[in-house]
Structures are given as structure tokens and as C-alpha cells.
């Protein structure tokens, strides 16, 4: 069975300004690498649809969805950009990109659960894991992974799903949305202290947060994953796994100070895939989060997809 690759040109049009690390070139770098290495030939490419806002409201409050929708549509109609927080800017194309990013996650969930593909990767932006139930922050507007996870539970009737987050920054938004929901197990590893400066104390018993200090290298992170993530995932027996796939813990990425290399992402993906094969019929939906060194990002996504596609 193939691996689906979801993206859309609207996701490239979202632009937070010159010099911003979360830039359209991130998706171009990934595409160029997949074409140059031939990985593209192993993927089923799918154009992302726009999300239904009713599905977004499974993860975010109705008031927040209405408020951020008004703001982003205002940018779209006025042709002007607006800062949402010191790091996050909405431009005239952000609304369309945000709808496509969350839409890709839901559409990928549908395709995987319907058996069309075994797993899927969503090469989308803006990312999502810092968006809380009622706040956009950290480059994020809608929490793509949380929206998809709640869709799998509330619409498709799954009983247990896992969210795995290996971005260098703690997925505080995802934690805010799913903490205390015993249908969801979230496991994560992240540099601490680092933006958003929380996560050391989990907000719910369904969280396995693994904060690590700056300059932690791959061997130590692998050992922590084996000792802390794997027993929890094995005991939980998820029926589907969602990945917040941030590649900014790479040693070449300047937004963090961790020491992962390409082979560490390959190993992590394989360990997640092992759990999915055992408990979840292989079902995985992975969504791009961080990763700002373009070369390291492209290579890391490449090995991630090689493992997902079994090539």
C-alpha cells in the first residue's frame, strides 16, 4: 500500500515577511529533494481540500474559530498583513493556507481510515501544534493534528488515538486541547527551557512529556524514547497514530539547540511505524510542524517518508 503526500499551492502563498524562518521556501525545499532523490515516485500525491469549520470546532472553541476567521478573511479582503503575536503574521493568503493545512490533515485521516493508503504525510503550512483551543501563537492558527485526531474519534468512531510530537518546541497547543481526554495519548520530546517555556509539568495524565536540555544528542533521545514513550504507547494500544513532525531538533537548525541528525529521524519514524503496525493496522497521519534549515529539513522529511513508504 502506498503513502499519500498531501499539499496545496495555497500553503506556499502564506508569507509572514522577509527573513521569517517559517517561509514558503520550506515546502519548495521538500519538493525539490523528493524529486531529486526519486522518493516522489513512491508517493500518491493528493491536493488538500479546505477544511469544514465544523471539524475545526472539534478542537477549537466556536468563538476562537469565528474570531480568527474574521481576522484572516479581513486580511484577505483588504490585501493587508497583520501581526497576530510578535512571531505570527497573517497575510492576505493566510486564511486559504490555514484551511488547506487543517483540511489536509482531515482528508488524510479519511483516506487512511478508508484503506486507500496505509499512511500519509501532510506537507502543509502554517503549522499547528502551538495553536491552543482559543489562541493562535508560534506561527500557528489551527491545530492541524488535534483537529484530525478529534475527527478520527468523534466522526470516524475510533476509541484510542496517539499523538507523537518530536518538534524541538513543546506542542503546548495540542496539550491544551487534548489534556484529560483519555481517548488520546500524547507523547512528546522537546528542548526545555525553550519557547513556549512550558511542558515540564504535564497538564493531564494522558501526556508523556519528555523535556530535555539544550545540546542533548540523538543517542540520549533514543534512550529516552525507548524508556518513556514506548511502554506508554504499548500499554495504550492506539488504533491510529498522528505525528506532529517537527524537524527543528536537527543539529543544523538554529531555532533550537538539540543534536539530532537525519538517521535519528529515520529511527524515530521506524519506532512509531512499529507501534502502528502492531496496534493500529499501520495507520499513521504525519503533519509538518517545524524545521527551518532548508537543507536539513528536506533531508529529514526525505528519510521520514522513506520509512513511511517502506523504500
C-alpha atoms as a PDB file:
ATOM      1  CA  UNK A   1       0.000   0.000   0.000  1.00  0.00           C
ATOM      2  CA  UNK A   2       1.229   3.477  -0.824  1.00  0.00           C
ATOM      3  CA  UNK A   3       1.934   6.576   1.220  1.00  0.00           C
ATOM      4  CA  UNK A   4      -0.139   9.652   0.403  1.00  0.00           C
ATOM      5  CA  UNK A   5       1.537  13.064   0.202  1.00  0.00           C
ATOM      6  CA  UNK A   6      -0.867  15.950   0.816  1.00  0.00           C
ATOM      7  CA  UNK A   7      -0.081  19.547  -0.053  1.00  0.00           C
ATOM      8  CA  UNK A   8      -1.501  22.534  -1.920  1.00  0.00           C
ATOM      9  CA  UNK A   9      -0.123  25.637  -3.631  1.00  0.00           C
ATOM     10  CA  UNK A  10      -2.148  27.818  -1.225  1.00  0.00           C
ATOM     11  CA  UNK A  11       0.202  26.697   1.549  1.00  0.00           C
ATOM     12  CA  UNK A  12       3.094  28.368  -0.279  1.00  0.00           C
ATOM     13  CA  UNK A  13       1.284  31.696  -0.573  1.00  0.00           C
ATOM     14  CA  UNK A  14       1.106  32.234   3.192  1.00  0.00           C
ATOM     15  CA  UNK A  15       4.045  34.581   3.850  1.00  0.00           C
ATOM     16  CA  UNK A  16       4.943  36.165   7.182  1.00  0.00           C
ATOM     17  CA  UNK A  17       7.536  38.530   5.728  1.00  0.00           C
ATOM     18  CA  UNK A  18      11.137  38.699   4.581  1.00  0.00           C
ATOM     19  CA  UNK A  19      13.529  36.830   6.846  1.00  0.00           C
ATOM     20  CA  UNK A  20      10.834  34.928   8.744  1.00  0.00           C
ATOM     21  CA  UNK A  21      12.013  31.346   9.330  1.00  0.00           C
ATOM     22  CA  UNK A  22       8.562  29.836   8.665  1.00  0.00           C
ATOM     23  CA  UNK A  23       8.753  30.659   4.972  1.00  0.00           C
ATOM     24  CA  UNK A  24       7.226  29.325   1.725  1.00  0.00           C
ATOM     25  CA  UNK A  25      10.628  28.004   0.654  1.00  0.00           C
ATOM     26  CA  UNK A  26      10.287  25.233   3.237  1.00  0.00           C
ATOM     27  CA  UNK A  27       7.768  23.410   1.047  1.00  0.00           C
ATOM     28  CA  UNK A  28       9.787  24.059  -2.100  1.00  0.00           C
ATOM     29  CA  UNK A  29      12.898  22.560  -0.494  1.00  0.00           C
ATOM     30  CA  UNK A  30      10.963  19.419   0.448  1.00  0.00           C
ATOM     31  CA  UNK A  31       9.510  19.047  -3.036  1.00  0.00           C
ATOM     32  CA  UNK A  32      12.888  19.565  -4.715  1.00  0.00           C
ATOM     33  CA  UNK A  33      14.502  16.910  -2.512  1.00  0.00           C
ATOM     34  CA  UNK A  34      11.766  14.350  -3.116  1.00  0.00           C
ATOM     35  CA  UNK A  35      12.047  14.867  -6.877  1.00  0.00           C
ATOM     36  CA  UNK A  36      15.853  14.773  -6.893  1.00  0.00           C
ATOM     37  CA  UNK A  37      16.033  11.560  -4.850  1.00  0.00           C
ATOM     38  CA  UNK A  38      13.185   9.742  -6.588  1.00  0.00           C
ATOM     39  CA  UNK A  39      11.207   9.394  -3.352  1.00  0.00           C
ATOM     40  CA  UNK A  40       8.398  11.240  -5.122  1.00  0.00           C
ATOM     41  CA  UNK A  41       7.801   8.190  -7.323  1.00  0.00           C
ATOM     42  CA  UNK A  42       6.769   6.137  -4.287  1.00  0.00           C
ATOM     43  CA  UNK A  43       4.135   8.628  -3.101  1.00  0.00           C
ATOM     44  CA  UNK A  44       0.495   9.170  -4.005  1.00  0.00           C
ATOM     45  CA  UNK A  45       0.154  12.939  -4.391  1.00  0.00           C
ATOM     46  CA  UNK A  46      -3.134  14.481  -3.255  1.00  0.00           C
ATOM     47  CA  UNK A  47      -4.265  18.124  -3.411  1.00  0.00           C
ATOM     48  CA  UNK A  48      -5.516  19.208   0.002  1.00  0.00           C
ATOM     49  CA  UNK A  49      -9.125  20.294   0.291  1.00  0.00           C
ATOM     50  CA  UNK A  50     -10.293  23.113   2.547  1.00  0.00           C
ATOM     51  CA  UNK A  51     -11.405  22.020   5.984  1.00  0.00           C
ATOM     52  CA  UNK A  52     -15.005  22.154   7.161  1.00  0.00           C
ATOM     53  CA  UNK A  53     -15.093  24.611  10.076  1.00  0.00           C
ATOM     54  CA  UNK A  54     -17.362  22.238  11.998  1.00  0.00           C
ATOM     55  CA  UNK A  55     -14.400  19.844  12.085  1.00  0.00           C
ATOM     56  CA  UNK A  56     -12.087  22.622  13.331  1.00  0.00           C
ATOM     57  CA  UNK A  57     -14.509  23.269  16.200  1.00  0.00           C
ATOM     58  CA  UNK A  58     -13.908  19.757  17.499  1.00  0.00           C
ATOM     59  CA  UNK A  59     -10.500  21.069  18.658  1.00  0.00           C
ATOM     60  CA  UNK A  60     -11.027  24.845  18.958  1.00  0.00           C
ATOM     61  CA  UNK A  61     -13.775  26.895  20.554  1.00  0.00           C
ATOM     62  CA  UNK A  62     -16.519  28.277  18.325  1.00  0.00           C
ATOM     63  CA  UNK A  63     -15.626  31.793  19.442  1.00  0.00           C
ATOM     64  CA  UNK A  64     -11.975  31.403  18.513  1.00  0.00           C
ATOM     65  CA  UNK A  65     -12.760  29.935  15.095  1.00  0.00           C
ATOM     66  CA  UNK A  66     -15.118  32.835  14.390  1.00  0.00           C
ATOM     67  CA  UNK A  67     -12.658  35.444  15.662  1.00  0.00           C
ATOM     68  CA  UNK A  68      -9.588  34.177  13.802  1.00  0.00           C
ATOM     69  CA  UNK A  69     -11.707  33.579  10.710  1.00  0.00           C
ATOM     70  CA  UNK A  70     -12.868  37.203  10.744  1.00  0.00           C
ATOM     71  CA  UNK A  71      -9.293  38.425  11.169  1.00  0.00           C
ATOM     72  CA  UNK A  72      -7.871  36.272   8.378  1.00  0.00           C
ATOM     73  CA  UNK A  73     -10.732  36.997   5.998  1.00  0.00           C
ATOM     74  CA  UNK A  74     -10.173  40.682   6.745  1.00  0.00           C
ATOM     75  CA  UNK A  75      -6.548  40.371   5.656  1.00  0.00           C
ATOM     76  CA  UNK A  76      -7.723  38.538   2.538  1.00  0.00           C
ATOM     77  CA  UNK A  77     -10.246  41.218   1.549  1.00  0.00           C
ATOM     78  CA  UNK A  78      -8.057  44.219   2.432  1.00  0.00           C
ATOM     79  CA  UNK A  79      -4.864  42.847   0.906  1.00  0.00           C
ATOM     80  CA  UNK A  80      -3.008  43.813   4.094  1.00  0.00           C
ATOM     81  CA  UNK A  81      -0.958  41.798   6.591  1.00  0.00           C
ATOM     82  CA  UNK A  82      -1.486  41.905  10.337  1.00  0.00           C
ATOM     83  CA  UNK A  83       0.599  40.683  13.279  1.00  0.00           C
ATOM     84  CA  UNK A  84      -1.271  38.218  15.490  1.00  0.00           C
ATOM     85  CA  UNK A  85       1.560  37.974  18.027  1.00  0.00           C
ATOM     86  CA  UNK A  86       5.254  39.002  17.922  1.00  0.00           C
ATOM     87  CA  UNK A  87       6.140  35.851  15.934  1.00  0.00           C
ATOM     88  CA  UNK A  88       2.989  35.237  13.902  1.00  0.00           C
ATOM     89  CA  UNK A  89       1.775  37.324  10.965  1.00  0.00           C
ATOM     90  CA  UNK A  90      -1.375  36.904   8.883  1.00  0.00           C
ATOM     91  CA  UNK A  91      -1.156  37.916   5.231  1.00  0.00           C
ATOM     92  CA  UNK A  92      -3.904  38.056   2.548  1.00  0.00           C
ATOM     93  CA  UNK A  93      -3.300  34.379   1.727  1.00  0.00           C
ATOM     94  CA  UNK A  94      -3.150  33.002   5.273  1.00  0.00           C
ATOM     95  CA  UNK A  95      -6.847  32.098   5.513  1.00  0.00           C
ATOM     96  CA  UNK A  96      -6.720  29.864   2.431  1.00  0.00           C
ATOM     97  CA  UNK A  97      -3.478  28.243   3.618  1.00  0.00           C
ATOM     98  CA  UNK A  98      -4.875  27.625   7.105  1.00  0.00           C
ATOM     99  CA  UNK A  99      -7.976  25.962   5.673  1.00  0.00           C
ATOM    100  CA  UNK A 100      -5.858  23.771   3.375  1.00  0.00           C
ATOM    101  CA  UNK A 101      -3.458  22.762   6.170  1.00  0.00           C
ATOM    102  CA  UNK A 102      -6.209  21.578   8.507  1.00  0.00           C
ATOM    103  CA  UNK A 103      -8.112  20.168   5.543  1.00  0.00           C
ATOM    104  CA  UNK A 104      -5.132  18.065   4.518  1.00  0.00           C
ATOM    105  CA  UNK A 105      -4.955  16.513   7.988  1.00  0.00           C
ATOM    106  CA  UNK A 106      -8.657  15.604   7.987  1.00  0.00           C
ATOM    107  CA  UNK A 107      -8.588  14.391   4.380  1.00  0.00           C
ATOM    108  CA  UNK A 108      -5.514  12.266   5.089  1.00  0.00           C
ATOM    109  CA  UNK A 109      -7.281  10.763   8.095  1.00  0.00           C
ATOM    110  CA  UNK A 110     -10.246   9.841   5.902  1.00  0.00           C
ATOM    111  CA  UNK A 111      -8.046   8.292   3.225  1.00  0.00           C
ATOM    112  CA  UNK A 112      -6.041   6.231   5.701  1.00  0.00           C
ATOM    113  CA  UNK A 113      -9.129   5.030   7.597  1.00  0.00           C
ATOM    114  CA  UNK A 114     -10.855   4.129   4.336  1.00  0.00           C
ATOM    115  CA  UNK A 115      -7.881   1.941   3.421  1.00  0.00           C
ATOM    116  CA  UNK A 116      -6.877   3.902   0.337  1.00  0.00           C
ATOM    117  CA  UNK A 117      -3.334   4.218   1.683  1.00  0.00           C
ATOM    118  CA  UNK A 118      -1.580   2.876   4.756  1.00  0.00           C
ATOM    119  CA  UNK A 119      -0.236   6.227   5.915  1.00  0.00           C
ATOM    120  CA  UNK A 120       0.052   9.858   4.858  1.00  0.00           C
ATOM    121  CA  UNK A 121       2.273  12.918   5.207  1.00  0.00           C
ATOM    122  CA  UNK A 122       0.890  16.454   5.048  1.00  0.00           C
ATOM    123  CA  UNK A 123       3.436  18.934   3.681  1.00  0.00           C
ATOM    124  CA  UNK A 124       1.472  21.965   4.783  1.00  0.00           C
ATOM    125  CA  UNK A 125       1.880  25.328   6.382  1.00  0.00           C
ATOM    126  CA  UNK A 126       1.060  27.130   8.580  1.00  0.00           C
ATOM    127  CA  UNK A 127       1.983  24.533  11.189  1.00  0.00           C
ATOM    128  CA  UNK A 128      -0.380  23.846  14.064  1.00  0.00           C
ATOM    129  CA  UNK A 129       0.903  22.449  17.335  1.00  0.00           C
ATOM    130  CA  UNK A 130       1.175  25.780  19.222  1.00  0.00           C
ATOM    131  CA  UNK A 131      -2.445  26.766  18.492  1.00  0.00           C
ATOM    132  CA  UNK A 132      -4.464  26.248  21.679  1.00  0.00           C
ATOM    133  CA  UNK A 133      -8.219  25.868  21.954  1.00  0.00           C
ATOM    134  CA  UNK A 134      -8.670  29.634  21.785  1.00  0.00           C
ATOM    135  CA  UNK A 135      -5.381  31.265  20.785  1.00  0.00           C
ATOM    136  CA  UNK A 136      -3.077  31.429  17.771  1.00  0.00           C
ATOM    137  CA  UNK A 137       0.623  31.643  18.545  1.00  0.00           C
ATOM    138  CA  UNK A 138       4.060  30.405  17.497  1.00  0.00           C
ATOM    139  CA  UNK A 139       3.396  30.557  13.723  1.00  0.00           C
ATOM    140  CA  UNK A 140       0.163  28.511  14.198  1.00  0.00           C
ATOM    141  CA  UNK A 141      -3.541  29.301  13.617  1.00  0.00           C
ATOM    142  CA  UNK A 142      -5.443  25.965  13.584  1.00  0.00           C
ATOM    143  CA  UNK A 143      -4.030  22.891  15.309  1.00  0.00           C
ATOM    144  CA  UNK A 144      -3.944  20.524  12.340  1.00  0.00           C
ATOM    145  CA  UNK A 145      -3.056  17.353  14.254  1.00  0.00           C
ATOM    146  CA  UNK A 146      -5.567  17.954  17.046  1.00  0.00           C
ATOM    147  CA  UNK A 147      -8.323  18.655  14.503  1.00  0.00           C
ATOM    148  CA  UNK A 148      -7.524  15.394  12.708  1.00  0.00           C
ATOM    149  CA  UNK A 149      -7.291  13.365  15.915  1.00  0.00           C
ATOM    150  CA  UNK A 150     -10.656  14.607  17.130  1.00  0.00           C
ATOM    151  CA  UNK A 151     -12.126  13.872  13.694  1.00  0.00           C
ATOM    152  CA  UNK A 152     -10.907  10.264  13.916  1.00  0.00           C
ATOM    153  CA  UNK A 153     -12.522   9.923  17.339  1.00  0.00           C
ATOM    154  CA  UNK A 154     -15.726  11.932  17.005  1.00  0.00           C
ATOM    155  CA  UNK A 155     -16.622  11.325  13.361  1.00  0.00           C
ATOM    156  CA  UNK A 156     -14.991   8.027  12.477  1.00  0.00           C
ATOM    157  CA  UNK A 157     -15.594   6.408  15.855  1.00  0.00           C
ATOM    158  CA  UNK A 158     -12.110   5.316  16.892  1.00  0.00           C
ATOM    159  CA  UNK A 159     -11.663   4.624  20.595  1.00  0.00           C
ATOM    160  CA  UNK A 160      -7.966   5.413  21.075  1.00  0.00           C
ATOM    161  CA  UNK A 161      -5.514   7.546  19.087  1.00  0.00           C
ATOM    162  CA  UNK A 162      -1.960   8.598  19.881  1.00  0.00           C
ATOM    163  CA  UNK A 163      -0.235  11.866  19.045  1.00  0.00           C
ATOM    164  CA  UNK A 164       3.556  11.801  18.772  1.00  0.00           C
ATOM    165  CA  UNK A 165       5.325  15.189  18.743  1.00  0.00           C
ATOM    166  CA  UNK A 166       9.079  15.384  18.131  1.00  0.00           C
ATOM    167  CA  UNK A 167       9.367  19.092  17.321  1.00  0.00           C
ATOM    168  CA  UNK A 168      12.123  20.912  19.229  1.00  0.00           C
ATOM    169  CA  UNK A 169       9.411  23.116  20.778  1.00  0.00           C
ATOM    170  CA  UNK A 170       6.761  21.727  23.123  1.00  0.00           C
ATOM    171  CA  UNK A 171       3.367  21.239  21.461  1.00  0.00           C
ATOM    172  CA  UNK A 172       1.578  23.333  24.057  1.00  0.00           C
ATOM    173  CA  UNK A 173      -1.466  23.889  21.870  1.00  0.00           C
ATOM    174  CA  UNK A 174      -2.040  20.191  21.322  1.00  0.00           C
ATOM    175  CA  UNK A 175      -1.582  19.558  25.033  1.00  0.00           C
ATOM    176  CA  UNK A 176      -4.101  22.304  25.856  1.00  0.00           C
ATOM    177  CA  UNK A 177      -6.670  20.735  23.527  1.00  0.00           C
ATOM    178  CA  UNK A 178      -6.347  17.056  24.454  1.00  0.00           C
ATOM    179  CA  UNK A 179      -5.143  17.053  28.085  1.00  0.00           C
ATOM    180  CA  UNK A 180      -7.569  14.960  30.111  1.00  0.00           C
ATOM    181  CA  UNK A 181      -9.133  13.288  27.063  1.00  0.00           C
ATOM    182  CA  UNK A 182      -8.482   9.649  27.893  1.00  0.00           C
ATOM    183  CA  UNK A 183      -9.134   8.657  24.274  1.00  0.00           C
ATOM    184  CA  UNK A 184      -5.855  10.352  23.335  1.00  0.00           C
ATOM    185  CA  UNK A 185      -2.310   9.606  24.455  1.00  0.00           C
ATOM    186  CA  UNK A 186       0.225  12.332  23.617  1.00  0.00           C
ATOM    187  CA  UNK A 187       3.932  11.565  23.807  1.00  0.00           C
ATOM    188  CA  UNK A 188       6.477  14.262  23.079  1.00  0.00           C
ATOM    189  CA  UNK A 189      10.116  15.183  23.420  1.00  0.00           C
ATOM    190  CA  UNK A 190      11.328  18.765  23.272  1.00  0.00           C
ATOM    191  CA  UNK A 191      14.078  21.129  24.361  1.00  0.00           C
ATOM    192  CA  UNK A 192      13.439  22.823  27.703  1.00  0.00           C
ATOM    193  CA  UNK A 193      13.648  25.644  28.539  1.00  0.00           C
ATOM    194  CA  UNK A 194      12.725  26.936  25.095  1.00  0.00           C
ATOM    195  CA  UNK A 195       9.667  28.582  23.560  1.00  0.00           C
ATOM    196  CA  UNK A 196       6.837  28.262  24.636  1.00  0.00           C
ATOM    197  CA  UNK A 197       8.545  27.752  28.012  1.00  0.00           C
ATOM    198  CA  UNK A 198       6.175  25.132  29.384  1.00  0.00           C
ATOM    199  CA  UNK A 199       5.536  21.390  29.245  1.00  0.00           C
ATOM    200  CA  UNK A 200       7.859  20.305  32.057  1.00  0.00           C
ATOM    201  CA  UNK A 201       4.765  19.518  34.141  1.00  0.00           C
ATOM    202  CA  UNK A 202       2.109  17.701  32.063  1.00  0.00           C
ATOM    203  CA  UNK A 203      -1.419  19.123  32.118  1.00  0.00           C
ATOM    204  CA  UNK A 204      -3.064  15.683  32.129  1.00  0.00           C
ATOM    205  CA  UNK A 205      -2.465  12.031  32.904  1.00  0.00           C
ATOM    206  CA  UNK A 206      -2.704  11.219  29.181  1.00  0.00           C
ATOM    207  CA  UNK A 207       0.528  13.125  28.477  1.00  0.00           C
ATOM    208  CA  UNK A 208       4.082  11.767  28.400  1.00  0.00           C
ATOM    209  CA  UNK A 209       6.183  14.930  28.194  1.00  0.00           C
ATOM    210  CA  UNK A 210       9.943  14.432  27.919  1.00  0.00           C
ATOM    211  CA  UNK A 211      11.772  17.766  28.297  1.00  0.00           C
ATOM    212  CA  UNK A 212      15.496  17.623  27.544  1.00  0.00           C
ATOM    213  CA  UNK A 213      18.227  20.255  27.944  1.00  0.00           C
ATOM    214  CA  UNK A 214      19.974  22.037  25.102  1.00  0.00           C
ATOM    215  CA  UNK A 215      22.705  20.064  23.303  1.00  0.00           C
ATOM    216  CA  UNK A 216      21.131  16.673  24.013  1.00  0.00           C
ATOM    217  CA  UNK A 217      22.213  14.321  21.224  1.00  0.00           C
ATOM    218  CA  UNK A 218      20.483  11.545  19.342  1.00  0.00           C
ATOM    219  CA  UNK A 219      21.690   8.588  21.419  1.00  0.00           C
ATOM    220  CA  UNK A 220      20.276  10.101  24.619  1.00  0.00           C
ATOM    221  CA  UNK A 221      16.990  10.973  22.940  1.00  0.00           C
ATOM    222  CA  UNK A 222      16.651   7.456  21.525  1.00  0.00           C
ATOM    223  CA  UNK A 223      17.161   6.010  25.007  1.00  0.00           C
ATOM    224  CA  UNK A 224      14.524   8.324  26.486  1.00  0.00           C
ATOM    225  CA  UNK A 225      12.049   7.409  23.762  1.00  0.00           C
ATOM    226  CA  UNK A 226      12.582   3.702  24.420  1.00  0.00           C
ATOM    227  CA  UNK A 227      12.174   4.060  28.165  1.00  0.00           C
ATOM    228  CA  UNK A 228       9.343   6.628  28.304  1.00  0.00           C
ATOM    229  CA  UNK A 229       7.350   6.674  25.057  1.00  0.00           C
ATOM    230  CA  UNK A 230       7.352   3.037  24.103  1.00  0.00           C
ATOM    231  CA  UNK A 231       5.911   1.488  27.289  1.00  0.00           C
ATOM    232  CA  UNK A 232       3.108   4.078  27.276  1.00  0.00           C
ATOM    233  CA  UNK A 233       2.300   3.507  23.601  1.00  0.00           C
ATOM    234  CA  UNK A 234       2.373  -0.276  24.017  1.00  0.00           C
ATOM    235  CA  UNK A 235       0.031  -0.110  27.009  1.00  0.00           C
ATOM    236  CA  UNK A 236      -2.338   2.320  25.252  1.00  0.00           C
ATOM    237  CA  UNK A 237      -2.622   0.284  22.012  1.00  0.00           C
ATOM    238  CA  UNK A 238      -3.621   3.181  19.733  1.00  0.00           C
ATOM    239  CA  UNK A 239      -5.900   2.475  16.796  1.00  0.00           C
ATOM    240  CA  UNK A 240      -4.250   5.289  14.816  1.00  0.00           C
ATOM    241  CA  UNK A 241      -1.166   7.470  15.271  1.00  0.00           C
ATOM    242  CA  UNK A 242      -0.829  11.153  14.430  1.00  0.00           C
ATOM    243  CA  UNK A 243       2.618  12.730  14.210  1.00  0.00           C
ATOM    244  CA  UNK A 244       3.479  16.372  14.771  1.00  0.00           C
ATOM    245  CA  UNK A 245       6.591  16.100  12.635  1.00  0.00           C
ATOM    246  CA  UNK A 246       8.876  18.983  13.500  1.00  0.00           C
ATOM    247  CA  UNK A 247      12.433  18.680  12.208  1.00  0.00           C
ATOM    248  CA  UNK A 248      13.931  21.657  14.055  1.00  0.00           C
ATOM    249  CA  UNK A 249      15.663  19.471  16.662  1.00  0.00           C
ATOM    250  CA  UNK A 250      18.233  18.803  13.899  1.00  0.00           C
ATOM    251  CA  UNK A 251      21.716  19.932  14.858  1.00  0.00           C
ATOM    252  CA  UNK A 252      21.852  22.182  11.756  1.00  0.00           C
ATOM    253  CA  UNK A 253      18.702  24.107  12.754  1.00  0.00           C
ATOM    254  CA  UNK A 254      19.287  27.430  14.514  1.00  0.00           C
ATOM    255  CA  UNK A 255      15.857  27.689  16.171  1.00  0.00           C
ATOM    256  CA  UNK A 256      16.838  25.038  18.706  1.00  0.00           C
ATOM    257  CA  UNK A 257      19.988  23.584  20.217  1.00  0.00           C
ATOM    258  CA  UNK A 258      19.401  19.835  20.090  1.00  0.00           C
ATOM    259  CA  UNK A 259      21.697  17.414  18.299  1.00  0.00           C
ATOM    260  CA  UNK A 260      19.551  15.155  16.126  1.00  0.00           C
ATOM    261  CA  UNK A 261      20.720  14.086  12.665  1.00  0.00           C
ATOM    262  CA  UNK A 262      18.907  12.556   9.694  1.00  0.00           C
ATOM    263  CA  UNK A 263      19.346   8.992  10.956  1.00  0.00           C
ATOM    264  CA  UNK A 264      17.654   9.880  14.262  1.00  0.00           C
ATOM    265  CA  UNK A 265      14.509  10.928  12.404  1.00  0.00           C
ATOM    266  CA  UNK A 266      14.691   7.711  10.429  1.00  0.00           C
ATOM    267  CA  UNK A 267      14.916   5.716  13.672  1.00  0.00           C
ATOM    268  CA  UNK A 268      12.063   7.603  15.361  1.00  0.00           C
ATOM    269  CA  UNK A 269       9.816   7.108  12.356  1.00  0.00           C
ATOM    270  CA  UNK A 270      10.570   3.399  12.313  1.00  0.00           C
ATOM    271  CA  UNK A 271       9.772   3.025  16.024  1.00  0.00           C
ATOM    272  CA  UNK A 272       6.453   4.852  15.517  1.00  0.00           C
ATOM    273  CA  UNK A 273       5.739   2.698  12.473  1.00  0.00           C
ATOM    274  CA  UNK A 274       6.457  -0.430  14.539  1.00  0.00           C
ATOM    275  CA  UNK A 275       3.780   0.572  17.066  1.00  0.00           C
ATOM    276  CA  UNK A 276       1.319   1.394  14.275  1.00  0.00           C
ATOM    277  CA  UNK A 277       1.939  -1.970  12.607  1.00  0.00           C
ATOM    278  CA  UNK A 278       1.331  -3.827  15.867  1.00  0.00           C
ATOM    279  CA  UNK A 279      -1.725  -1.974  17.151  1.00  0.00           C
ATOM    280  CA  UNK A 280      -3.136   0.394  14.502  1.00  0.00           C
ATOM    281  CA  UNK A 281      -3.168  -1.571  11.237  1.00  0.00           C
ATOM    282  CA  UNK A 282      -0.252   0.621  10.162  1.00  0.00           C
ATOM    283  CA  UNK A 283      -2.415   3.753  10.203  1.00  0.00           C
ATOM    284  CA  UNK A 284      -0.364   6.959  10.529  1.00  0.00           C
ATOM    285  CA  UNK A 285      -1.029  10.574   9.561  1.00  0.00           C
ATOM    286  CA  UNK A 286       2.018  12.824   9.875  1.00  0.00           C
ATOM    287  CA  UNK A 287       1.809  16.630   9.638  1.00  0.00           C
ATOM    288  CA  UNK A 288       4.715  19.001   9.121  1.00  0.00           C
ATOM    289  CA  UNK A 289       5.425  21.309  12.037  1.00  0.00           C
ATOM    290  CA  UNK A 290       8.843  22.991  12.432  1.00  0.00           C
ATOM    291  CA  UNK A 291      12.143  22.679  10.574  1.00  0.00           C
ATOM    292  CA  UNK A 292      13.812  25.860   9.355  1.00  0.00           C
ATOM    293  CA  UNK A 293      17.210  24.932   7.965  1.00  0.00           C
ATOM    294  CA  UNK A 294      16.073  24.157   4.427  1.00  0.00           C
ATOM    295  CA  UNK A 295      18.701  21.517   3.646  1.00  0.00           C
ATOM    296  CA  UNK A 296      18.284  19.669   6.951  1.00  0.00           C
ATOM    297  CA  UNK A 297      14.502  19.904   6.673  1.00  0.00           C
ATOM    298  CA  UNK A 298      14.419  18.443   3.169  1.00  0.00           C
ATOM    299  CA  UNK A 299      16.748  15.561   4.059  1.00  0.00           C
ATOM    300  CA  UNK A 300      14.890  14.775   7.291  1.00  0.00           C
ATOM    301  CA  UNK A 301      11.490  14.746   5.605  1.00  0.00           C
ATOM    302  CA  UNK A 302      13.074  12.512   2.975  1.00  0.00           C
ATOM    303  CA  UNK A 303      14.113   9.839   5.475  1.00  0.00           C
ATOM    304  CA  UNK A 304      10.772  10.189   7.295  1.00  0.00           C
ATOM    305  CA  UNK A 305       8.965   9.444   4.034  1.00  0.00           C
ATOM    306  CA  UNK A 306      11.315   6.632   3.066  1.00  0.00           C
ATOM    307  CA  UNK A 307      10.365   4.818   6.259  1.00  0.00           C
ATOM    308  CA  UNK A 308       6.655   5.577   5.929  1.00  0.00           C
ATOM    309  CA  UNK A 309       6.661   4.358   2.315  1.00  0.00           C
ATOM    310  CA  UNK A 310       8.886   1.347   3.041  1.00  0.00           C
ATOM    311  CA  UNK A 311      11.517   2.221   0.434  1.00  0.00           C
END
